[in-house]
N, C-alpha and C. Protein backbone atom coordinates (compact mmCIF):
# COMPACT_ATOMS: atom_id res chain seq x y z
N MET A 1 -20.74 12.50 32.29
CA MET A 1 -20.15 11.38 31.79
C MET A 1 -20.11 10.56 30.23
N ARG A 2 -21.13 11.49 29.32
CA ARG A 2 -21.34 11.07 28.40
C ARG A 2 -20.05 11.64 27.43
N SER A 3 -20.10 13.00 28.06
CA SER A 3 -18.48 13.60 26.87
C SER A 3 -17.52 12.67 27.09
N ARG A 4 -16.93 12.07 28.74
CA ARG A 4 -16.09 11.58 28.60
C ARG A 4 -16.03 9.95 27.62
N PHE A 5 -17.22 9.75 27.73
CA PHE A 5 -17.05 8.36 26.78
C PHE A 5 -16.54 8.64 25.53
N PHE A 6 -17.42 9.44 24.75
CA PHE A 6 -16.71 9.73 23.51
C PHE A 6 -15.62 10.11 23.38
N LEU A 7 -14.93 11.19 24.38
CA LEU A 7 -13.61 11.59 24.47
C LEU A 7 -12.64 10.24 24.46
N LEU A 8 -12.74 9.07 25.34
CA LEU A 8 -12.15 8.12 25.62
C LEU A 8 -12.01 7.38 24.15
N LEU A 9 -13.58 7.19 23.51
CA LEU A 9 -13.66 6.54 22.45
C LEU A 9 -12.91 7.05 21.27
N PHE A 10 -12.90 8.25 21.33
CA PHE A 10 -12.20 9.29 19.91
C PHE A 10 -10.38 8.65 20.36
N VAL A 11 -9.92 9.42 21.33
CA VAL A 11 -8.96 8.73 21.87
C VAL A 11 -8.34 7.53 21.22
N MET A 12 -8.97 6.26 21.79
CA MET A 12 -8.48 4.90 21.38
C MET A 12 -8.90 4.40 19.80
N ALA A 13 -9.52 5.26 19.33
CA ALA A 13 -9.97 4.83 17.64
C ALA A 13 -8.41 6.04 17.19
N GLY A 14 -7.90 6.91 17.58
CA GLY A 14 -6.76 7.66 17.37
C GLY A 14 -5.53 6.30 17.75
N LEU A 15 -5.04 6.11 18.57
CA LEU A 15 -4.34 5.01 19.10
C LEU A 15 -4.30 3.90 18.03
N VAL A 16 -5.52 3.32 17.76
CA VAL A 16 -5.95 2.06 16.85
C VAL A 16 -5.18 2.83 15.50
N VAL A 17 -5.64 3.88 14.74
CA VAL A 17 -5.08 4.01 13.46
C VAL A 17 -3.43 4.50 13.61
N ALA A 18 -3.06 5.04 14.55
CA ALA A 18 -1.31 5.07 14.41
C ALA A 18 -0.58 4.01 15.17
N PHE A 19 -1.43 2.73 15.95
CA PHE A 19 -0.46 1.72 16.21
C PHE A 19 -0.50 0.32 15.53
N VAL A 20 -1.94 0.04 14.92
CA VAL A 20 -2.52 -0.95 14.40
C VAL A 20 -1.56 -1.37 12.83
N PRO A 21 -0.92 -2.60 13.16
CA PRO A 21 -0.06 -2.74 11.55
C PRO A 21 -1.26 -3.10 10.11
N LEU A 22 -1.20 -2.23 9.15
CA LEU A 22 -1.72 -2.34 7.85
C LEU A 22 -1.85 -3.22 7.42
N PRO A 23 -2.55 -4.02 6.76
CA PRO A 23 -2.86 -5.48 6.10
C PRO A 23 -1.75 -5.02 5.08
N VAL A 24 -1.08 -6.08 4.81
CA VAL A 24 0.37 -6.09 3.93
C VAL A 24 -0.15 -7.12 2.82
N GLN A 25 -0.02 -6.46 1.38
CA GLN A 25 -0.56 -7.71 0.29
C GLN A 25 0.86 -8.59 0.23
N SER A 26 0.64 -9.60 0.51
CA SER A 26 1.86 -10.73 0.15
C SER A 26 2.03 -11.15 -1.21
N THR A 27 3.45 -10.27 -1.80
CA THR A 27 3.83 -10.36 -3.15
C THR A 27 5.05 -11.31 -2.60
N THR A 28 5.59 -12.18 -3.70
CA THR A 28 6.65 -12.87 -4.36
C THR A 28 7.81 -12.04 -4.63
N PRO A 29 8.86 -12.14 -4.25
CA PRO A 29 9.99 -11.31 -4.42
C PRO A 29 10.04 -11.54 -6.17
N GLN A 30 10.43 -10.40 -7.00
CA GLN A 30 10.55 -10.61 -8.74
C GLN A 30 11.80 -9.82 -8.93
N GLU A 31 12.35 -10.14 -9.81
CA GLU A 31 13.51 -8.90 -10.37
C GLU A 31 13.18 -7.90 -10.94
N ARG A 32 13.55 -6.54 -10.61
CA ARG A 32 12.76 -5.47 -11.44
C ARG A 32 14.40 -4.71 -11.91
N ASN A 33 13.93 -4.21 -12.99
CA ASN A 33 14.99 -3.64 -13.78
C ASN A 33 14.95 -2.14 -14.00
N PHE A 34 15.65 -1.35 -13.70
CA PHE A 34 15.24 0.05 -14.17
C PHE A 34 16.43 0.56 -15.05
N ARG A 35 16.37 1.55 -15.68
CA ARG A 35 17.25 2.40 -16.73
C ARG A 35 16.65 3.74 -16.16
N ILE A 36 17.90 4.67 -15.65
CA ILE A 36 17.68 5.49 -15.18
C ILE A 36 18.80 6.60 -15.70
N GLU A 37 18.47 7.25 -16.42
CA GLU A 37 19.42 8.73 -17.34
C GLU A 37 19.59 9.54 -16.46
N ALA A 38 20.60 10.05 -16.35
CA ALA A 38 21.12 10.95 -15.57
C ALA A 38 21.92 12.20 -16.55
N ARG A 39 21.15 13.65 -16.22
CA ARG A 39 21.94 14.47 -16.66
C ARG A 39 21.88 15.29 -15.92
N GLN A 40 22.59 16.72 -16.37
CA GLN A 40 22.91 17.66 -15.34
C GLN A 40 21.04 18.58 -15.24
N PHE A 41 20.73 18.38 -14.04
CA PHE A 41 20.96 18.08 -12.67
C PHE A 41 19.57 17.12 -12.37
N ALA A 42 19.34 16.36 -13.03
CA ALA A 42 18.02 15.37 -12.90
C ALA A 42 18.31 13.96 -13.17
N TYR A 43 17.24 13.10 -12.54
CA TYR A 43 17.37 11.32 -12.90
C TYR A 43 16.34 11.38 -13.56
N SER A 44 16.11 10.46 -14.80
CA SER A 44 14.59 10.35 -15.21
C SER A 44 14.75 8.88 -15.43
N PRO A 45 13.75 8.07 -14.81
CA PRO A 45 12.69 8.71 -13.97
C PRO A 45 13.25 9.07 -12.75
N SER A 46 12.96 9.92 -11.90
CA SER A 46 13.46 10.12 -10.26
C SER A 46 13.23 9.18 -9.33
N GLU A 47 11.74 8.55 -9.36
CA GLU A 47 11.09 7.80 -8.16
C GLU A 47 11.17 6.45 -8.88
N LEU A 48 11.62 5.17 -8.20
CA LEU A 48 11.20 4.10 -8.38
C LEU A 48 10.76 3.59 -7.29
N ASN A 49 9.84 2.50 -7.56
CA ASN A 49 9.12 1.59 -6.63
C ASN A 49 8.95 0.49 -6.42
N VAL A 50 9.46 -0.37 -5.46
CA VAL A 50 9.73 -2.01 -5.45
C VAL A 50 9.21 -2.14 -4.16
N ASN A 51 8.83 -3.60 -4.58
CA ASN A 51 8.45 -4.50 -3.33
C ASN A 51 9.43 -4.79 -2.43
N PRO A 52 9.36 -5.14 -0.95
CA PRO A 52 10.33 -5.47 -0.02
C PRO A 52 10.86 -7.01 -0.51
N GLY A 53 11.96 -7.36 -0.67
CA GLY A 53 12.51 -8.64 -1.14
C GLY A 53 13.30 -8.69 -2.48
N ASP A 54 12.59 -7.56 -3.89
CA ASP A 54 12.48 -7.68 -4.66
C ASP A 54 13.93 -7.44 -5.18
N THR A 55 14.81 -8.02 -6.37
CA THR A 55 15.96 -8.04 -6.61
C THR A 55 16.22 -6.80 -7.44
N VAL A 56 16.63 -5.84 -7.06
CA VAL A 56 16.62 -4.45 -8.15
C VAL A 56 17.85 -4.54 -8.87
N THR A 57 17.70 -4.03 -10.21
CA THR A 57 18.90 -3.65 -11.42
C THR A 57 18.94 -2.68 -11.43
N ILE A 58 19.92 -1.42 -11.73
CA ILE A 58 19.48 -0.13 -12.05
C ILE A 58 20.72 -0.11 -13.22
N GLN A 59 20.54 0.47 -14.23
CA GLN A 59 21.30 0.59 -15.11
C GLN A 59 21.45 2.27 -15.65
N LEU A 60 22.69 2.65 -14.94
CA LEU A 60 22.78 4.13 -14.84
C LEU A 60 23.09 4.96 -16.18
N VAL A 61 22.30 5.97 -16.97
CA VAL A 61 23.29 6.07 -18.27
C VAL A 61 23.30 7.72 -18.11
N SER A 62 24.75 8.08 -18.07
CA SER A 62 25.07 9.19 -18.14
C SER A 62 25.28 10.39 -19.41
N THR A 63 24.18 11.24 -19.92
CA THR A 63 24.07 12.07 -20.82
C THR A 63 24.90 12.86 -21.31
N ASP A 64 25.17 13.51 -20.35
CA ASP A 64 26.28 14.52 -20.44
C ASP A 64 27.86 14.77 -19.76
N VAL A 65 27.46 14.48 -18.94
CA VAL A 65 29.00 14.50 -17.66
C VAL A 65 28.69 13.35 -17.04
N ALA A 66 30.05 13.06 -16.31
CA ALA A 66 30.03 12.24 -15.07
C ALA A 66 28.93 12.36 -14.47
N HIS A 67 28.36 11.32 -14.08
CA HIS A 67 27.45 10.89 -12.67
C HIS A 67 27.56 9.70 -11.78
N GLY A 68 26.89 10.36 -10.66
CA GLY A 68 27.04 8.96 -10.01
C GLY A 68 25.52 8.79 -9.55
N LEU A 69 25.55 7.46 -8.69
CA LEU A 69 24.14 7.21 -7.75
C LEU A 69 24.37 6.33 -6.70
N TYR A 70 23.99 6.86 -5.16
CA TYR A 70 24.40 6.57 -4.16
C TYR A 70 22.79 6.60 -3.57
N ILE A 71 22.50 5.73 -2.83
CA ILE A 71 21.32 5.35 -1.94
C ILE A 71 21.39 5.20 -0.99
N ASP A 72 20.82 6.35 -0.06
CA ASP A 72 20.85 6.25 1.50
C ASP A 72 20.03 5.25 2.13
N GLY A 73 20.95 4.81 3.20
CA GLY A 73 20.33 3.49 3.44
C GLY A 73 20.68 2.18 3.46
N TYR A 74 21.31 2.09 1.83
CA TYR A 74 21.61 1.08 1.63
C TYR A 74 23.01 1.16 1.41
N ASP A 75 23.81 2.16 1.61
CA ASP A 75 25.23 2.42 1.22
C ASP A 75 26.00 1.35 0.23
N ILE A 76 24.87 1.82 -0.89
CA ILE A 76 25.58 1.66 -2.02
C ILE A 76 25.89 2.67 -3.41
N SER A 77 26.52 2.37 -4.01
CA SER A 77 26.79 3.69 -5.50
C SER A 77 27.32 3.04 -6.73
N ILE A 78 26.90 3.98 -7.79
CA ILE A 78 27.73 3.36 -8.88
C ILE A 78 28.12 4.56 -9.36
N GLU A 79 28.70 4.75 -10.88
CA GLU A 79 29.23 5.97 -11.36
C GLU A 79 29.48 5.41 -12.44
N ALA A 80 28.88 6.43 -13.60
CA ALA A 80 29.06 6.80 -15.15
C ALA A 80 29.63 7.52 -15.59
N ASP A 81 30.83 7.32 -16.78
CA ASP A 81 30.95 8.37 -17.61
C ASP A 81 30.43 8.81 -18.27
N PRO A 82 30.73 10.21 -19.17
CA PRO A 82 29.31 10.36 -20.02
C PRO A 82 29.57 9.68 -21.45
N GLY A 83 27.99 9.41 -21.93
CA GLY A 83 27.79 8.33 -22.39
C GLY A 83 28.06 6.98 -22.71
N GLN A 84 28.60 6.41 -20.91
CA GLN A 84 28.36 5.54 -20.89
C GLN A 84 27.37 5.02 -19.93
N SER A 85 27.20 3.70 -19.22
CA SER A 85 26.34 3.01 -18.45
C SER A 85 27.11 2.44 -17.49
N ALA A 86 26.46 2.29 -16.42
CA ALA A 86 27.05 1.32 -14.99
C ALA A 86 25.79 0.80 -14.70
N THR A 87 25.89 -0.67 -14.14
CA THR A 87 24.77 -1.36 -13.74
C THR A 87 25.10 -1.75 -12.19
N LEU A 88 24.03 -1.84 -11.57
CA LEU A 88 24.12 -2.24 -10.10
C LEU A 88 22.85 -3.05 -9.75
N THR A 89 23.12 -4.13 -8.97
CA THR A 89 22.38 -5.10 -8.78
C THR A 89 22.42 -4.80 -6.61
N PHE A 90 21.04 -5.07 -6.16
CA PHE A 90 21.24 -5.40 -4.98
C PHE A 90 19.48 -5.71 -4.39
N THR A 91 19.39 -6.45 -3.45
CA THR A 91 17.87 -6.78 -2.88
C THR A 91 17.97 -5.48 -1.96
N ALA A 92 16.22 -5.25 -2.35
CA ALA A 92 15.98 -4.28 -1.73
C ALA A 92 15.00 -4.64 -0.19
N ASN A 93 15.75 -4.76 0.81
CA ASN A 93 15.20 -5.69 1.71
C ASN A 93 15.01 -4.97 3.10
N LYS A 94 15.05 -3.55 2.84
CA LYS A 94 14.53 -2.59 3.93
C LYS A 94 13.91 -1.86 3.48
N PRO A 95 12.46 -1.98 4.19
CA PRO A 95 11.17 -1.39 4.02
C PRO A 95 10.91 0.38 4.04
N GLY A 96 10.77 1.27 3.19
CA GLY A 96 10.68 2.92 3.66
C GLY A 96 10.71 3.29 2.35
N SER A 97 11.62 4.88 2.64
CA SER A 97 11.70 5.62 1.33
C SER A 97 13.16 6.20 1.60
N PHE A 98 13.81 5.89 0.16
CA PHE A 98 15.30 6.03 0.58
C PHE A 98 16.00 7.41 -0.60
N ARG A 99 16.63 8.23 -0.10
CA ARG A 99 17.19 9.23 -1.22
C ARG A 99 17.95 8.98 -2.30
N MET A 100 18.28 9.11 -3.10
CA MET A 100 19.15 8.50 -4.55
C MET A 100 19.61 10.06 -4.70
N ARG A 101 20.93 9.93 -4.72
CA ARG A 101 21.77 11.40 -4.88
C ARG A 101 22.81 10.97 -5.64
N CYS A 102 23.18 12.25 -6.23
CA CYS A 102 24.32 11.88 -7.36
C CYS A 102 25.75 12.22 -6.17
N ASN A 103 26.59 11.26 -6.56
CA ASN A 103 27.94 11.50 -5.91
C ASN A 103 28.98 11.74 -6.58
N VAL A 104 28.67 12.35 -7.58
CA VAL A 104 30.09 12.82 -8.33
C VAL A 104 29.64 14.08 -8.34
N THR A 105 30.56 15.06 -8.44
CA THR A 105 30.30 16.37 -8.59
C THR A 105 30.06 17.03 -10.20
N CYS A 106 29.03 17.05 -10.83
CA CYS A 106 28.56 17.40 -11.77
C CYS A 106 28.44 18.65 -12.21
N GLY A 107 28.17 19.85 -11.31
CA GLY A 107 27.89 21.04 -11.69
C GLY A 107 27.53 21.75 -10.41
N ALA A 108 27.22 23.36 -10.65
CA ALA A 108 26.93 23.99 -9.79
C ALA A 108 25.66 23.46 -8.74
N MET A 109 24.34 23.10 -9.75
CA MET A 109 23.25 22.46 -8.85
C MET A 109 23.48 20.92 -8.42
N HIS A 110 24.67 20.38 -8.32
CA HIS A 110 25.01 18.82 -8.06
C HIS A 110 24.01 18.65 -7.08
N PRO A 111 23.90 19.31 -6.06
CA PRO A 111 23.30 19.08 -4.48
C PRO A 111 21.78 19.08 -5.02
N PHE A 112 21.47 19.67 -5.99
CA PHE A 112 20.08 19.38 -5.83
C PHE A 112 19.53 17.97 -6.65
N MET A 113 20.59 17.25 -7.27
CA MET A 113 20.19 16.09 -8.23
C MET A 113 19.97 14.85 -7.33
N ILE A 114 18.87 15.06 -7.17
CA ILE A 114 17.99 13.57 -6.53
C ILE A 114 16.84 13.00 -6.69
N GLY A 115 16.93 11.66 -6.51
CA GLY A 115 15.55 11.03 -6.47
C GLY A 115 15.25 9.94 -5.63
N LYS A 116 14.16 8.82 -5.53
CA LYS A 116 13.69 8.37 -4.46
C LYS A 116 13.66 7.01 -4.61
N LEU A 117 13.78 6.21 -3.76
CA LEU A 117 13.75 4.65 -4.05
C LEU A 117 12.84 4.49 -3.07
N ILE A 118 11.62 3.75 -3.31
CA ILE A 118 10.61 3.63 -1.97
C ILE A 118 10.44 1.81 -2.16
N VAL A 119 10.58 1.26 -1.22
CA VAL A 119 10.51 0.04 -0.94
C VAL A 119 8.90 -0.29 0.05
N GLY A 120 8.38 -0.96 -0.79
CA GLY A 120 6.66 -1.26 -0.13
C GLY A 120 5.82 -0.32 -0.13
N GLY A 121 4.57 -0.30 0.59
CA GLY A 121 4.23 0.76 0.21
C GLY A 121 4.12 1.83 1.19
N ASN A 122 3.14 3.13 1.21
CA ASN A 122 3.33 4.57 1.34
C ASN A 122 2.19 4.31 2.85
N GLN A 123 2.79 3.39 4.18
CA GLN A 123 1.84 3.14 5.24
C GLN A 123 1.59 5.09 5.68
N TRP A 124 2.29 5.56 5.49
CA TRP A 124 2.30 6.84 6.26
C TRP A 124 0.97 8.01 5.49
N LEU A 125 0.88 7.38 4.36
CA LEU A 125 -0.27 8.13 3.64
C LEU A 125 -1.40 7.76 4.12
N TYR A 126 -1.47 6.20 4.30
CA TYR A 126 -2.95 5.94 5.35
C TYR A 126 -3.33 6.48 6.38
N ARG A 127 -2.04 6.57 7.06
CA ARG A 127 -2.52 6.94 8.46
C ARG A 127 -2.89 8.21 8.53
N SER A 128 -1.97 8.87 7.74
CA SER A 128 -2.65 10.58 7.87
C SER A 128 -4.16 10.60 7.47
N ILE A 129 -4.54 9.98 6.74
CA ILE A 129 -5.69 10.08 5.76
C ILE A 129 -6.70 9.23 7.17
N GLY A 130 -6.27 8.70 7.92
CA GLY A 130 -7.02 8.01 8.69
C GLY A 130 -7.30 9.39 10.20
N PHE A 131 -6.04 9.86 10.36
CA PHE A 131 -5.73 11.22 11.49
C PHE A 131 -6.33 12.04 11.11
N ALA A 132 -6.89 12.14 9.41
CA ALA A 132 -7.56 13.56 9.02
C ALA A 132 -9.41 12.91 9.09
N VAL A 133 -9.62 12.23 9.05
CA VAL A 133 -10.93 11.41 9.19
C VAL A 133 -11.30 11.67 10.69
N LEU A 134 -10.44 11.27 11.35
CA LEU A 134 -10.76 11.16 13.01
C LEU A 134 -11.10 13.02 13.41
N SER A 135 -10.03 13.82 12.58
CA SER A 135 -10.03 15.33 13.27
C SER A 135 -11.43 15.84 12.82
N VAL A 136 -11.84 15.39 11.36
CA VAL A 136 -13.22 15.93 11.39
C VAL A 136 -14.20 15.74 12.09
N ILE A 137 -14.47 14.24 12.19
CA ILE A 137 -15.24 13.61 13.21
C ILE A 137 -15.16 13.99 14.51
N GLY A 138 -14.21 13.98 14.69
CA GLY A 138 -14.05 14.99 16.18
C GLY A 138 -14.62 16.57 16.18
N PHE A 139 -14.45 17.37 15.34
CA PHE A 139 -15.14 18.53 15.17
C PHE A 139 -16.58 18.47 15.16
N PHE A 140 -17.30 17.71 14.89
CA PHE A 140 -18.65 17.65 14.94
C PHE A 140 -19.42 17.62 16.01
N PRO A 141 -19.04 17.13 17.52
CA PRO A 141 -19.38 17.74 18.80
C PRO A 141 -19.43 18.81 19.19
N VAL A 142 -18.63 19.70 18.51
CA VAL A 142 -18.35 20.95 18.90
C VAL A 142 -19.35 21.96 18.31
N PHE A 143 -19.70 21.39 17.04
CA PHE A 143 -21.09 22.35 16.42
C PHE A 143 -22.14 21.65 17.00
N TRP A 144 -22.40 20.54 17.49
CA TRP A 144 -23.63 20.31 18.06
C TRP A 144 -24.25 20.64 19.11
N ARG A 145 -23.28 20.92 19.81
CA ARG A 145 -23.38 21.46 20.90
C ARG A 145 -23.75 23.28 21.48
N LYS A 146 -23.06 23.76 20.56
CA LYS A 146 -23.05 25.30 20.39
C LYS A 146 -24.77 25.60 20.63
N GLU A 147 -25.08 26.70 21.51
CA GLU A 147 -26.51 26.78 21.36
C GLU A 147 -26.44 28.23 20.47
N ARG A 148 -27.55 28.00 19.89
CA ARG A 148 -27.55 29.41 19.11
C ARG A 148 -28.31 30.22 19.76
N VAL A 149 -27.61 31.32 19.74
CA VAL A 149 -28.28 32.96 20.44
C VAL A 149 -28.09 33.66 19.43
N LEU A 150 -29.82 34.08 19.63
CA LEU A 150 -30.40 35.00 19.07
C LEU A 150 -30.37 36.44 19.47
N PRO A 151 -29.97 37.52 18.25
CA PRO A 151 -29.92 38.57 18.80
C PRO A 151 -31.29 39.00 19.27
N GLU A 152 -31.34 40.04 20.53
CA GLU A 152 -32.46 40.53 21.26
C GLU A 152 -33.02 41.45 20.22
N GLU A 153 -34.56 41.43 20.20
CA GLU A 153 -35.33 42.44 19.58
C GLU A 153 -35.36 43.69 20.14
N HIS A 154 -35.18 44.84 20.17
CA HIS A 154 -35.68 45.92 20.69
C HIS A 154 -37.26 46.55 20.46
């Protein structure tokens, strides 16, 4: 009976970690400006972090050959010729993690020219930490219940 209670308590804690909304910090939308240098075969910086509602302006600067920047999920893109820059402005109104990729064939390693736009916090990280803690706590009863059997002496 006692083990069923602890199992039920453990399952309920797992459901809380999985489904309860995490506290969100209220931030006022702001203008965010990024200068991204594109070269074969990388973006610098390759990761952009913004808050939901921010107005994001990206200046793409191509340092060697023609490059582009396409943001999956937002369906927006820009292209910059060698030595030139192009500017793109949009509102980050979709929370999550989105891939940025080059949409102009720029060489043999072109498919690997990717970056990331993160809008909002990383809730999956916090939920994963919660599940890891629950897993560790869940293993303790297994070790407490084992009876220690000493080898018989002859």
